[in-house]
Amino acid sequence: MSEDFGGEWTVTTLRVRYAETDQMGVVYYANFFVWFEIGRTDLCRQYGFAYRDMEERDGLYIMVAEARCRYKAPARYDDELEIRTCVREVRKRVLVFGYEVYRPATAELLAEGETIHVITDRQGRPRALPDHYRDLFLAARRQANG
């Protein structure tokens, strides 16, 4: 069973640190994936749980199975950025998150991406997403839609 969530975005704001750039002050491409994780973690908190809850209480993990990023424009040292994150799809054992990275000062889209995650147990075996997490995703979607 798959549930399409229609892209209700959560927003995380951050500033590009010097350590995230090359000598020309342009962000190293792999940092966008780190920012996706920050956005995903914040989204889960805003939906009412933390990754740690899943790990400690349920013995479950959200393992990345696939990640992609399309770069549109460079981010630079000291830019303020918005990482927009949404749940695109919830299946029995799979979560799909979408991302957009913007420079709010110019409203410029810098990158967009997606990660696909498999729910697993501690041994890495696929498991079903417990209903209480699915319910949190559904409640957040209902609240966003008014």
Protein backbone atom coordinates (compact mmCIF):
# COMPACT_ATOMS: atom_id res chain seq x y z
CA MET A 1 0.00 0.00 0.00
CA SER A 2 1.37 3.41 -1.03
CA GLU A 3 0.27 6.78 0.29
CA ASP A 4 1.05 9.93 -1.77
CA PHE A 5 1.63 12.88 0.52
CA GLY A 6 1.49 15.65 -2.06
CA GLY A 7 4.52 17.64 -0.92
CA GLU A 8 3.70 19.49 2.33
CA TRP A 9 7.03 21.20 2.92
CA THR A 10 8.82 21.81 6.20
CA VAL A 11 11.56 24.43 6.20
CA THR A 12 14.96 24.34 7.88
CA THR A 13 17.16 27.44 7.73
CA LEU A 14 20.95 27.25 7.87
CA ARG A 15 23.97 29.34 6.93
CA VAL A 16 26.80 27.95 4.80
CA ARG A 17 29.92 27.48 6.90
CA TYR A 18 33.42 28.06 5.55
CA ALA A 19 34.28 24.38 6.12
CA GLU A 20 31.51 23.39 3.68
CA THR A 21 33.13 25.23 0.76
CA ASP A 22 36.11 24.85 -1.55
CA GLN A 23 38.85 27.48 -1.92
CA MET A 24 36.59 29.50 -4.25
CA GLY A 25 33.88 29.71 -1.56
CA VAL A 26 31.50 27.35 -3.41
CA VAL A 27 29.77 24.59 -1.45
CA TYR A 28 31.18 21.11 -2.03
CA TYR A 29 28.45 19.06 -3.73
CA ALA A 30 28.22 16.29 -1.10
CA ASN A 31 27.15 18.79 1.57
CA PHE A 32 23.74 19.00 -0.05
CA PHE A 33 23.14 15.39 1.09
CA VAL A 34 24.11 16.37 4.64
CA TRP A 35 21.59 19.21 4.44
CA PHE A 36 18.95 16.80 3.16
CA GLU A 37 19.52 14.73 6.30
CA ILE A 38 19.17 17.82 8.48
CA GLY A 39 15.89 18.65 6.76
CA ARG A 40 14.64 15.07 7.08
CA THR A 41 15.48 14.99 10.79
CA ASP A 42 13.70 18.30 11.35
CA LEU A 43 10.67 17.08 9.38
CA CYS A 44 10.37 14.01 11.61
CA ARG A 45 10.58 16.20 14.73
CA GLN A 46 7.90 18.49 13.33
CA TYR A 47 5.77 15.39 12.65
CA GLY A 48 6.11 14.38 16.32
CA PHE A 49 9.00 11.90 16.57
CA ALA A 50 12.77 11.64 16.29
CA TYR A 51 14.86 9.04 14.50
CA ARG A 52 16.17 8.04 17.90
CA ASP A 53 12.60 7.11 18.93
CA MET A 54 12.43 4.63 16.08
CA GLU A 55 15.81 3.16 16.94
CA GLU A 56 15.37 2.90 20.71
CA ARG A 57 11.66 2.16 21.04
CA ASP A 58 11.05 0.10 17.93
CA GLY A 59 14.49 -1.19 16.94
CA LEU A 60 13.94 0.22 13.45
CA TYR A 61 16.12 2.25 11.12
CA ILE A 62 15.45 4.35 8.03
CA MET A 63 18.25 3.22 5.70
CA VAL A 64 19.03 5.18 2.55
CA ALA A 65 18.56 2.97 -0.50
CA GLU A 66 18.86 5.68 -3.14
CA ALA A 67 19.78 9.38 -3.19
CA ARG A 68 19.84 11.93 -5.96
CA CYS A 69 20.45 15.65 -6.26
CA ARG A 70 20.14 17.95 -9.26
CA TYR A 71 22.25 21.07 -8.87
CA LYS A 72 20.85 24.26 -10.41
CA ALA A 73 23.12 27.01 -9.02
CA PRO A 74 26.01 27.17 -6.56
CA ALA A 75 25.64 27.90 -2.87
CA ARG A 76 28.44 30.01 -1.45
CA TYR A 77 30.12 30.71 1.85
CA ASP A 78 27.88 32.60 4.30
CA ASP A 79 24.70 32.21 2.20
CA GLU A 80 21.57 31.75 4.24
CA LEU A 81 19.71 28.74 2.86
CA GLU A 82 16.31 27.14 3.24
CA ILE A 83 16.17 23.38 3.08
CA ARG A 84 12.60 22.43 2.19
CA THR A 85 11.68 18.83 2.91
CA CYS A 86 8.56 16.82 2.27
CA VAL A 87 7.34 13.25 2.46
CA ARG A 88 6.52 12.23 -1.08
CA GLU A 89 5.43 8.68 -0.48
CA VAL A 90 4.87 6.20 2.32
CA ARG A 91 4.73 2.52 1.49
CA LYS A 92 4.69 -0.48 3.76
CA ARG A 93 8.50 -0.67 3.98
CA VAL A 94 9.64 2.43 2.08
CA LEU A 95 9.66 6.19 2.69
CA VAL A 96 10.41 8.72 -0.05
CA PHE A 97 11.47 12.26 0.88
CA GLY A 98 11.78 15.24 -1.45
CA TYR A 99 14.05 18.26 -1.02
CA GLU A 100 14.55 21.74 -2.40
CA VAL A 101 17.38 24.07 -1.40
CA TYR A 102 16.73 27.79 -1.85
CA ARG A 103 18.66 30.98 -1.28
CA PRO A 104 15.84 33.05 0.29
CA ALA A 105 17.55 36.40 -0.38
CA THR A 106 17.04 35.85 -4.12
CA ALA A 107 14.34 33.11 -4.06
CA GLU A 108 16.71 31.09 -6.25
CA LEU A 109 16.36 27.30 -6.35
CA LEU A 110 19.88 25.92 -5.90
CA ALA A 111 19.17 22.18 -5.85
CA GLU A 112 16.42 19.63 -5.71
CA GLY A 113 16.62 16.02 -4.70
CA GLU A 114 15.05 12.88 -3.38
CA THR A 115 16.02 10.06 -1.05
CA ILE A 116 14.41 6.64 -0.88
CA HIS A 117 14.62 4.78 2.44
CA VAL A 118 13.90 1.22 3.47
CA ILE A 119 12.65 0.54 7.00
CA THR A 120 14.89 -2.13 8.56
CA ASP A 121 15.53 -3.84 11.88
CA ARG A 122 18.89 -3.82 13.67
CA GLN A 123 20.15 -6.64 11.45
CA GLY A 124 19.30 -4.71 8.27
CA ARG A 125 16.29 -6.85 7.35
CA PRO A 126 13.35 -4.95 5.80
CA ARG A 127 10.42 -4.37 8.15
CA ALA A 128 7.02 -2.71 7.90
CA LEU A 129 6.61 0.89 9.02
CA PRO A 130 4.61 0.73 12.27
CA ASP A 131 1.13 2.21 12.09
CA HIS A 132 1.87 4.88 14.73
CA TYR A 133 4.48 6.49 12.39
CA ARG A 134 2.17 6.25 9.40
CA ASP A 135 -0.53 7.90 11.57
CA LEU A 136 1.86 10.77 12.44
CA PHE A 137 2.59 11.36 8.74
CA LEU A 138 -1.14 11.31 7.95
CA ALA A 139 -2.00 13.67 10.84
CA ALA A 140 0.66 16.14 9.71
CA ARG A 141 -0.73 16.06 6.18
CA ARG A 142 -4.30 16.67 7.43
CA GLN A 143 -3.09 19.58 9.58
CA ALA A 144 -1.20 21.12 6.62
CA ASN A 145 -4.29 20.86 4.43
CA GLY A 146 -6.43 22.66 7.03
